[in-house]
Amino acid sequence: GGLAATRHLIECGHRRIAIITGPEDMLCS
Protein backbone atom coordinates (compact mmCIF):
# COMPACT_ATOMS: atom_id res chain seq x y z
CA GLY A 1 0.00 0.00 0.00
CA GLY A 2 2.80 2.42 0.85
CA LEU A 3 4.58 1.54 -2.37
CA ALA A 4 1.46 2.09 -4.51
CA ALA A 5 0.65 5.45 -2.91
CA THR A 6 4.16 6.77 -3.45
CA ARG A 7 4.47 5.43 -7.00
CA HIS A 8 1.26 7.22 -7.90
CA LEU A 9 2.69 10.54 -6.73
CA ILE A 10 5.96 9.91 -8.59
CA GLU A 11 4.04 9.07 -11.76
CA CYS A 12 2.17 12.37 -11.37
CA GLY A 13 5.58 14.06 -11.60
CA HIS A 14 6.29 14.81 -7.93
CA ARG A 15 9.85 14.72 -6.66
CA ARG A 16 9.55 16.41 -3.25
CA ILE A 17 7.30 13.93 -1.47
CA ALA A 18 6.87 13.76 2.30
CA ILE A 19 5.24 11.09 4.43
CA ILE A 20 3.32 11.35 7.69
CA THR A 21 3.05 7.72 8.76
CA GLY A 22 1.48 6.38 11.97
CA PRO A 23 3.01 5.83 15.42
CA GLU A 24 6.63 4.72 15.41
CA ASP A 25 5.92 1.69 17.62
CA MET A 26 3.39 0.14 15.21
CA LEU A 27 4.66 -2.21 12.54
CA CYS A 28 1.99 -1.16 10.04
CA SER A 29 3.37 2.40 10.23
PDB file of all heavy atoms in Angstrom:
ATOM      1  N   GLY A   1       0.816  -1.206   0.000  1.00  0.00           N
ATOM      2  CA  GLY A   1       0.000   0.000   0.000  1.00  0.00           C
ATOM      3  C   GLY A   1       0.853   1.261   0.000  1.00  0.00           C
ATOM      4  O   GLY A   1       0.585   2.218  -0.742  1.00  0.00           O
ATOM      5  N   GLY A   2       1.903   1.277   0.825  1.00  0.00           N
ATOM      6  CA  GLY A   2       2.804   2.424   0.849  1.00  0.00           C
ATOM      7  C   GLY A   2       3.528   2.611  -0.468  1.00  0.00           C
ATOM      8  O   GLY A   2       3.727   3.742  -0.946  1.00  0.00           O
ATOM      9  N   LEU A   3       3.916   1.499  -1.073  1.00  0.00           N
ATOM     10  CA  LEU A   3       4.584   1.542  -2.375  1.00  0.00           C
ATOM     11  C   LEU A   3       3.654   2.119  -3.442  1.00  0.00           C
ATOM     12  O   LEU A   3       4.049   3.004  -4.218  1.00  0.00           O
ATOM     13  CB  LEU A   3       5.025   0.130  -2.768  1.00  0.00           C
ATOM     14  CG  LEU A   3       5.835   0.006  -4.062  1.00  0.00           C
ATOM     15  CD1 LEU A   3       7.285   0.394  -3.819  1.00  0.00           C
ATOM     16  CD2 LEU A   3       5.759  -1.430  -4.597  1.00  0.00           C
ATOM     17  N   ALA A   4       2.409   1.644  -3.485  1.00  0.00           N
ATOM     18  CA  ALA A   4       1.459   2.089  -4.514  1.00  0.00           C
ATOM     19  C   ALA A   4       1.141   3.574  -4.372  1.00  0.00           C
ATOM     20  O   ALA A   4       1.065   4.307  -5.370  1.00  0.00           O
ATOM     21  CB  ALA A   4       0.180   1.262  -4.430  1.00  0.00           C
ATOM     22  N   ALA A   5       0.952   4.039  -3.139  1.00  0.00           N
ATOM     23  CA  ALA A   5       0.646   5.453  -2.908  1.00  0.00           C
ATOM     24  C   ALA A   5       1.774   6.340  -3.403  1.00  0.00           C
ATOM     25  O   ALA A   5       1.548   7.360  -4.074  1.00  0.00           O
ATOM     26  CB  ALA A   5       0.392   5.697  -1.424  1.00  0.00           C
ATOM     27  N   THR A   6       3.005   5.953  -3.088  1.00  0.00           N
ATOM     28  CA  THR A   6       4.157   6.772  -3.451  1.00  0.00           C
ATOM     29  C   THR A   6       4.421   6.716  -4.949  1.00  0.00           C
ATOM     30  O   THR A   6       4.738   7.743  -5.577  1.00  0.00           O
ATOM     31  CB  THR A   6       5.394   6.313  -2.664  1.00  0.00           C
ATOM     32  OG1 THR A   6       5.051   6.188  -1.283  1.00  0.00           O
ATOM     33  CG2 THR A   6       6.536   7.297  -2.816  1.00  0.00           C
ATOM     34  N   ARG A   7       4.285   5.551  -5.546  1.00  0.00           N
ATOM     35  CA  ARG A   7       4.474   5.433  -6.996  1.00  0.00           C
ATOM     36  C   ARG A   7       3.482   6.316  -7.751  1.00  0.00           C
ATOM     37  O   ARG A   7       3.826   6.915  -8.775  1.00  0.00           O
ATOM     38  CB  ARG A   7       4.300   3.971  -7.432  1.00  0.00           C
ATOM     39  CG  ARG A   7       5.558   3.130  -7.286  1.00  0.00           C
ATOM     40  CD  ARG A   7       5.333   1.736  -7.813  1.00  0.00           C
ATOM     41  NE  ARG A   7       6.567   0.976  -7.894  1.00  0.00           N
ATOM     42  CZ  ARG A   7       6.630  -0.325  -8.125  1.00  0.00           C
ATOM     43  NH1 ARG A   7       5.492  -1.018  -8.297  1.00  0.00           N
ATOM     44  NH2 ARG A   7       7.780  -0.942  -8.191  1.00  0.00           N
ATOM     45  N   HIS A   8       2.261   6.386  -7.256  1.00  0.00           N
ATOM     46  CA  HIS A   8       1.257   7.223  -7.903  1.00  0.00           C
ATOM     47  C   HIS A   8       1.707   8.682  -7.915  1.00  0.00           C
ATOM     48  O   HIS A   8       1.600   9.370  -8.940  1.00  0.00           O
ATOM     49  CB  HIS A   8      -0.084   7.091  -7.188  1.00  0.00           C
ATOM     50  CG  HIS A   8      -1.108   8.084  -7.633  1.00  0.00           C
ATOM     51  ND1 HIS A   8      -1.653   8.083  -8.899  1.00  0.00           N
ATOM     52  CD2 HIS A   8      -1.671   9.141  -6.976  1.00  0.00           C
ATOM     53  CE1 HIS A   8      -2.513   9.093  -9.011  1.00  0.00           C
ATOM     54  NE2 HIS A   8      -2.544   9.746  -7.861  1.00  0.00           N
ATOM     55  N   LEU A   9       2.228   9.158  -6.795  1.00  0.00           N
ATOM     56  CA  LEU A   9       2.686  10.542  -6.729  1.00  0.00           C
ATOM     57  C   LEU A   9       3.888  10.771  -7.642  1.00  0.00           C
ATOM     58  O   LEU A   9       4.001  11.820  -8.294  1.00  0.00           O
ATOM     59  CB  LEU A   9       3.035  10.899  -5.280  1.00  0.00           C
ATOM     60  CG  LEU A   9       1.836  10.963  -4.323  1.00  0.00           C
ATOM     61  CD1 LEU A   9       2.313  11.077  -2.876  1.00  0.00           C
ATOM     62  CD2 LEU A   9       0.911  12.122  -4.681  1.00  0.00           C
ATOM     63  N   ILE A  10       4.790   9.794  -7.701  1.00  0.00           N
ATOM     64  CA  ILE A  10       5.956   9.912  -8.587  1.00  0.00           C
ATOM     65  C   ILE A  10       5.501   9.943 -10.048  1.00  0.00           C
ATOM     66  O   ILE A  10       5.995  10.745 -10.853  1.00  0.00           O
ATOM     67  CB  ILE A  10       6.930   8.742  -8.335  1.00  0.00           C
ATOM     68  CG1 ILE A  10       7.542   8.863  -6.930  1.00  0.00           C
ATOM     69  CG2 ILE A  10       8.027   8.710  -9.399  1.00  0.00           C
ATOM     70  CD1 ILE A  10       8.320   7.639  -6.488  1.00  0.00           C
ATOM     71  N   GLU A  11       4.541   9.096 -10.382  1.00  0.00           N
ATOM     72  CA  GLU A  11       4.037   9.067 -11.760  1.00  0.00           C
ATOM     73  C   GLU A  11       3.317  10.362 -12.129  1.00  0.00           C
ATOM     74  O   GLU A  11       3.264  10.736 -13.306  1.00  0.00           O
ATOM     75  CB  GLU A  11       3.110   7.866 -11.942  1.00  0.00           C
ATOM     76  CG  GLU A  11       3.859   6.533 -11.940  1.00  0.00           C
ATOM     77  CD  GLU A  11       2.938   5.338 -11.796  1.00  0.00           C
ATOM     78  OE1 GLU A  11       1.696   5.550 -11.682  1.00  0.00           O
ATOM     79  OE2 GLU A  11       3.445   4.194 -11.775  1.00  0.00           O
ATOM     80  N   CYS A  12       2.778  11.060 -11.117  1.00  0.00           N
ATOM     81  CA  CYS A  12       2.170  12.372 -11.371  1.00  0.00           C
ATOM     82  C   CYS A  12       3.233  13.431 -11.655  1.00  0.00           C
ATOM     83  O   CYS A  12       2.896  14.536 -12.120  1.00  0.00           O
ATOM     84  CB  CYS A  12       1.332  12.810 -10.170  1.00  0.00           C
ATOM     85  SG  CYS A  12      -0.259  11.952 -10.004  1.00  0.00           S
ATOM     86  N   GLY A  13       4.490  13.115 -11.347  1.00  0.00           N
ATOM     87  CA  GLY A  13       5.576  14.056 -11.595  1.00  0.00           C
ATOM     88  C   GLY A  13       6.193  14.657 -10.354  1.00  0.00           C
ATOM     89  O   GLY A  13       7.096  15.500 -10.449  1.00  0.00           O
ATOM     90  N   HIS A  14       5.760  14.239  -9.178  1.00  0.00           N
ATOM     91  CA  HIS A  14       6.291  14.810  -7.930  1.00  0.00           C
ATOM     92  C   HIS A  14       7.679  14.250  -7.623  1.00  0.00           C
ATOM     93  O   HIS A  14       7.957  13.077  -7.872  1.00  0.00           O
ATOM     94  CB  HIS A  14       5.340  14.515  -6.768  1.00  0.00           C
ATOM     95  CG  HIS A  14       4.031  15.232  -6.883  1.00  0.00           C
ATOM     96  ND1 HIS A  14       3.858  16.523  -6.455  1.00  0.00           N
ATOM     97  CD2 HIS A  14       2.829  14.834  -7.398  1.00  0.00           C
ATOM     98  CE1 HIS A  14       2.605  16.899  -6.694  1.00  0.00           C
ATOM     99  NE2 HIS A  14       1.963  15.891  -7.266  1.00  0.00           N
ATOM    100  N   ARG A  15       8.515  15.114  -7.079  1.00  0.00           N
ATOM    101  CA  ARG A  15       9.855  14.723  -6.656  1.00  0.00           C
ATOM    102  C   ARG A  15      10.084  15.031  -5.178  1.00  0.00           C
ATOM    103  O   ARG A  15      10.843  14.343  -4.522  1.00  0.00           O
ATOM    104  CB  ARG A  15      10.911  15.447  -7.502  1.00  0.00           C
ATOM    105  CG  ARG A  15      10.854  15.082  -8.999  1.00  0.00           C
ATOM    106  CD  ARG A  15      11.148  13.604  -9.202  1.00  0.00           C
ATOM    107  NE  ARG A  15      11.045  13.174 -10.587  1.00  0.00           N
ATOM    108  CZ  ARG A  15       9.969  12.602 -11.125  1.00  0.00           C
ATOM    109  NH1 ARG A  15       8.876  12.412 -10.373  1.00  0.00           N
ATOM    110  NH2 ARG A  15       9.965  12.222 -12.377  1.00  0.00           N
ATOM    111  N   ARG A  16       9.449  16.068  -4.673  1.00  0.00           N
ATOM    112  CA  ARG A  16       9.555  16.414  -3.249  1.00  0.00           C
ATOM    113  C   ARG A  16       8.307  15.877  -2.543  1.00  0.00           C
ATOM    114  O   ARG A  16       7.276  16.535  -2.454  1.00  0.00           O
ATOM    115  CB  ARG A  16       9.690  17.928  -3.057  1.00  0.00           C
ATOM    116  CG  ARG A  16      10.959  18.510  -3.661  1.00  0.00           C
ATOM    117  CD  ARG A  16      11.324  19.878  -3.059  1.00  0.00           C
ATOM    118  NE  ARG A  16      10.210  20.820  -3.048  1.00  0.00           N
ATOM    119  CZ  ARG A  16       9.869  21.577  -4.078  1.00  0.00           C
ATOM    120  NH1 ARG A  16      10.522  21.478  -5.234  1.00  0.00           N
ATOM    121  NH2 ARG A  16       8.873  22.444  -3.988  1.00  0.00           N
ATOM    122  N   ILE A  17       8.442  14.642  -2.075  1.00  0.00           N
ATOM    123  CA  ILE A  17       7.302  13.934  -1.472  1.00  0.00           C
ATOM    124  C   ILE A  17       7.618  13.652  -0.010  1.00  0.00           C
ATOM    125  O   ILE A  17       8.670  13.097   0.312  1.00  0.00           O
ATOM    126  CB  ILE A  17       7.013  12.604  -2.217  1.00  0.00           C
ATOM    127  CG1 ILE A  17       6.821  12.863  -3.713  1.00  0.00           C
ATOM    128  CG2 ILE A  17       5.785  11.917  -1.617  1.00  0.00           C
ATOM    129  CD1 ILE A  17       6.735  11.589  -4.541  1.00  0.00           C
ATOM    130  N   ALA A  18       6.713  14.025   0.864  1.00  0.00           N
ATOM    131  CA  ALA A  18       6.869  13.763   2.301  1.00  0.00           C
ATOM    132  C   ALA A  18       5.867  12.700   2.739  1.00  0.00           C
ATOM    133  O   ALA A  18       4.864  12.453   2.069  1.00  0.00           O
ATOM    134  CB  ALA A  18       6.662  15.042   3.101  1.00  0.00           C
ATOM    135  N   ILE A  19       6.158  12.086   3.870  1.00  0.00           N
ATOM    136  CA  ILE A  19       5.243  11.088   4.432  1.00  0.00           C
ATOM    137  C   ILE A  19       4.973  11.413   5.893  1.00  0.00           C
ATOM    138  O   ILE A  19       5.878  11.803   6.645  1.00  0.00           O
ATOM    139  CB  ILE A  19       5.816   9.651   4.307  1.00  0.00           C
ATOM    140  CG1 ILE A  19       4.823   8.619   4.905  1.00  0.00           C
ATOM    141  CG2 ILE A  19       7.176   9.533   4.959  1.00  0.00           C
ATOM    142  CD1 ILE A  19       5.218   7.172   4.675  1.00  0.00           C
ATOM    143  N   ILE A  20       3.718  11.317   6.280  1.00  0.00           N
ATOM    144  CA  ILE A  20       3.317  11.350   7.693  1.00  0.00           C
ATOM    145  C   ILE A  20       2.728   9.972   7.971  1.00  0.00           C
ATOM    146  O   ILE A  20       1.570   9.703   7.665  1.00  0.00           O
ATOM    147  CB  ILE A  20       2.280  12.447   7.975  1.00  0.00           C
ATOM    148  CG1 ILE A  20       2.789  13.811   7.509  1.00  0.00           C
ATOM    149  CG2 ILE A  20       1.938  12.479   9.468  1.00  0.00           C
ATOM    150  CD1 ILE A  20       1.729  14.906   7.565  1.00  0.00           C
ATOM    151  N   THR A  21       3.539   9.067   8.487  1.00  0.00           N
ATOM    152  CA  THR A  21       3.051   7.721   8.757  1.00  0.00           C
ATOM    153  C   THR A  21       2.425   7.682  10.151  1.00  0.00           C
ATOM    154  O   THR A  21       2.205   8.719  10.770  1.00  0.00           O
ATOM    155  CB  THR A  21       4.182   6.687   8.590  1.00  0.00           C
ATOM    156  OG1 THR A  21       3.628   5.360   8.640  1.00  0.00           O
ATOM    157  CG2 THR A  21       5.259   6.842   9.642  1.00  0.00           C
ATOM    158  N   GLY A  22       2.113   6.492  10.657  1.00  0.00           N
ATOM    159  CA  GLY A  22       1.478   6.379  11.966  1.00  0.00           C
ATOM    160  C   GLY A  22       2.501   6.331  13.084  1.00  0.00           C
ATOM    161  O   GLY A  22       3.672   6.681  12.901  1.00  0.00           O
ATOM    162  N   PRO A  23       2.101   5.888  14.273  1.00  0.00           N
ATOM    163  CA  PRO A  23       3.010   5.828  15.420  1.00  0.00           C
ATOM    164  C   PRO A  23       4.241   4.971  15.135  1.00  0.00           C
ATOM    165  O   PRO A  23       4.167   3.945  14.454  1.00  0.00           O
ATOM    166  CB  PRO A  23       2.147   5.200  16.523  1.00  0.00           C
ATOM    167  CG  PRO A  23       0.739   5.540  16.123  1.00  0.00           C
ATOM    168  CD  PRO A  23       0.720   5.489  14.631  1.00  0.00           C
ATOM    169  N   GLU A  24       5.359   5.386  15.683  1.00  0.00           N
ATOM    170  CA  GLU A  24       6.632   4.722  15.405  1.00  0.00           C
ATOM    171  C   GLU A  24       6.708   3.321  15.998  1.00  0.00           C
ATOM    172  O   GLU A  24       7.532   2.506  15.566  1.00  0.00           O
ATOM    173  CB  GLU A  24       7.778   5.589  15.941  1.00  0.00           C
ATOM    174  CG  GLU A  24       9.140   5.218  15.424  1.00  0.00           C
ATOM    175  CD  GLU A  24      10.190   6.270  15.744  1.00  0.00           C
ATOM    176  OE1 GLU A  24       9.854   7.276  16.412  1.00  0.00           O
ATOM    177  OE2 GLU A  24      11.349   6.083  15.337  1.00  0.00           O
ATOM    178  N   ASP A  25       5.864   3.010  16.987  1.00  0.00           N
ATOM    179  CA  ASP A  25       5.919   1.693  17.625  1.00  0.00           C
ATOM    180  C   ASP A  25       4.895   0.722  17.034  1.00  0.00           C
ATOM    181  O   ASP A  25       4.622  -0.323  17.628  1.00  0.00           O
ATOM    182  CB  ASP A  25       5.714   1.812  19.133  1.00  0.00           C
ATOM    183  CG  ASP A  25       4.359   2.415  19.500  1.00  0.00           C
ATOM    184  OD1 ASP A  25       3.653   2.916  18.599  1.00  0.00           O
ATOM    185  OD2 ASP A  25       4.009   2.382  20.696  1.00  0.00           O
ATOM    186  N   MET A  26       4.340   1.042  15.868  1.00  0.00           N
ATOM    187  CA  MET A  26       3.388   0.141  15.210  1.00  0.00           C
ATOM    188  C   MET A  26       3.988  -0.344  13.896  1.00  0.00           C
ATOM    189  O   MET A  26       4.419   0.456  13.057  1.00  0.00           O
ATOM    190  CB  MET A  26       2.053   0.847  14.975  1.00  0.00           C
ATOM    191  CG  MET A  26       1.335   1.209  16.257  1.00  0.00           C
ATOM    192  SD  MET A  26      -0.218   2.096  15.972  1.00  0.00           S
ATOM    193  CE  MET A  26      -1.231   0.786  15.297  1.00  0.00           C
ATOM    194  N   LEU A  27       4.013  -1.650  13.716  1.00  0.00           N
ATOM    195  CA  LEU A  27       4.664  -2.210  12.539  1.00  0.00           C
ATOM    196  C   LEU A  27       3.976  -1.816  11.248  1.00  0.00           C
ATOM    197  O   LEU A  27       4.610  -1.723  10.209  1.00  0.00           O
ATOM    198  CB  LEU A  27       4.744  -3.733  12.658  1.00  0.00           C
ATOM    199  CG  LEU A  27       5.738  -4.248  13.696  1.00  0.00           C
ATOM    200  CD1 LEU A  27       5.722  -5.770  13.734  1.00  0.00           C
ATOM    201  CD2 LEU A  27       7.146  -3.763  13.383  1.00  0.00           C
ATOM    202  N   CYS A  28       2.660  -1.581  11.274  1.00  0.00           N
ATOM    203  CA  CYS A  28       1.994  -1.158  10.045  1.00  0.00           C
ATOM    204  C   CYS A  28       2.517   0.200   9.607  1.00  0.00           C
ATOM    205  O   CYS A  28       2.684   0.459   8.406  1.00  0.00           O
ATOM    206  CB  CYS A  28       0.482  -1.122  10.219  1.00  0.00           C
ATOM    207  SG  CYS A  28      -0.121   0.136  11.350  1.00  0.00           S
ATOM    208  N   SER A  29       2.803   1.095  10.564  1.00  0.00           N
ATOM    209  CA  SER A  29       3.371   2.402  10.231  1.00  0.00           C
ATOM    210  C   SER A  29       4.731   2.234   9.564  1.00  0.00           C
ATOM    211  O   SER A  29       5.036   2.903   8.564  1.00  0.00           O
ATOM    212  CB  SER A  29       3.541   3.249  11.493  1.00  0.00           C
ATOM    213  OG  SER A  29       2.340   3.379  12.201  1.00  0.00           O
TER     214      SER A  29
END
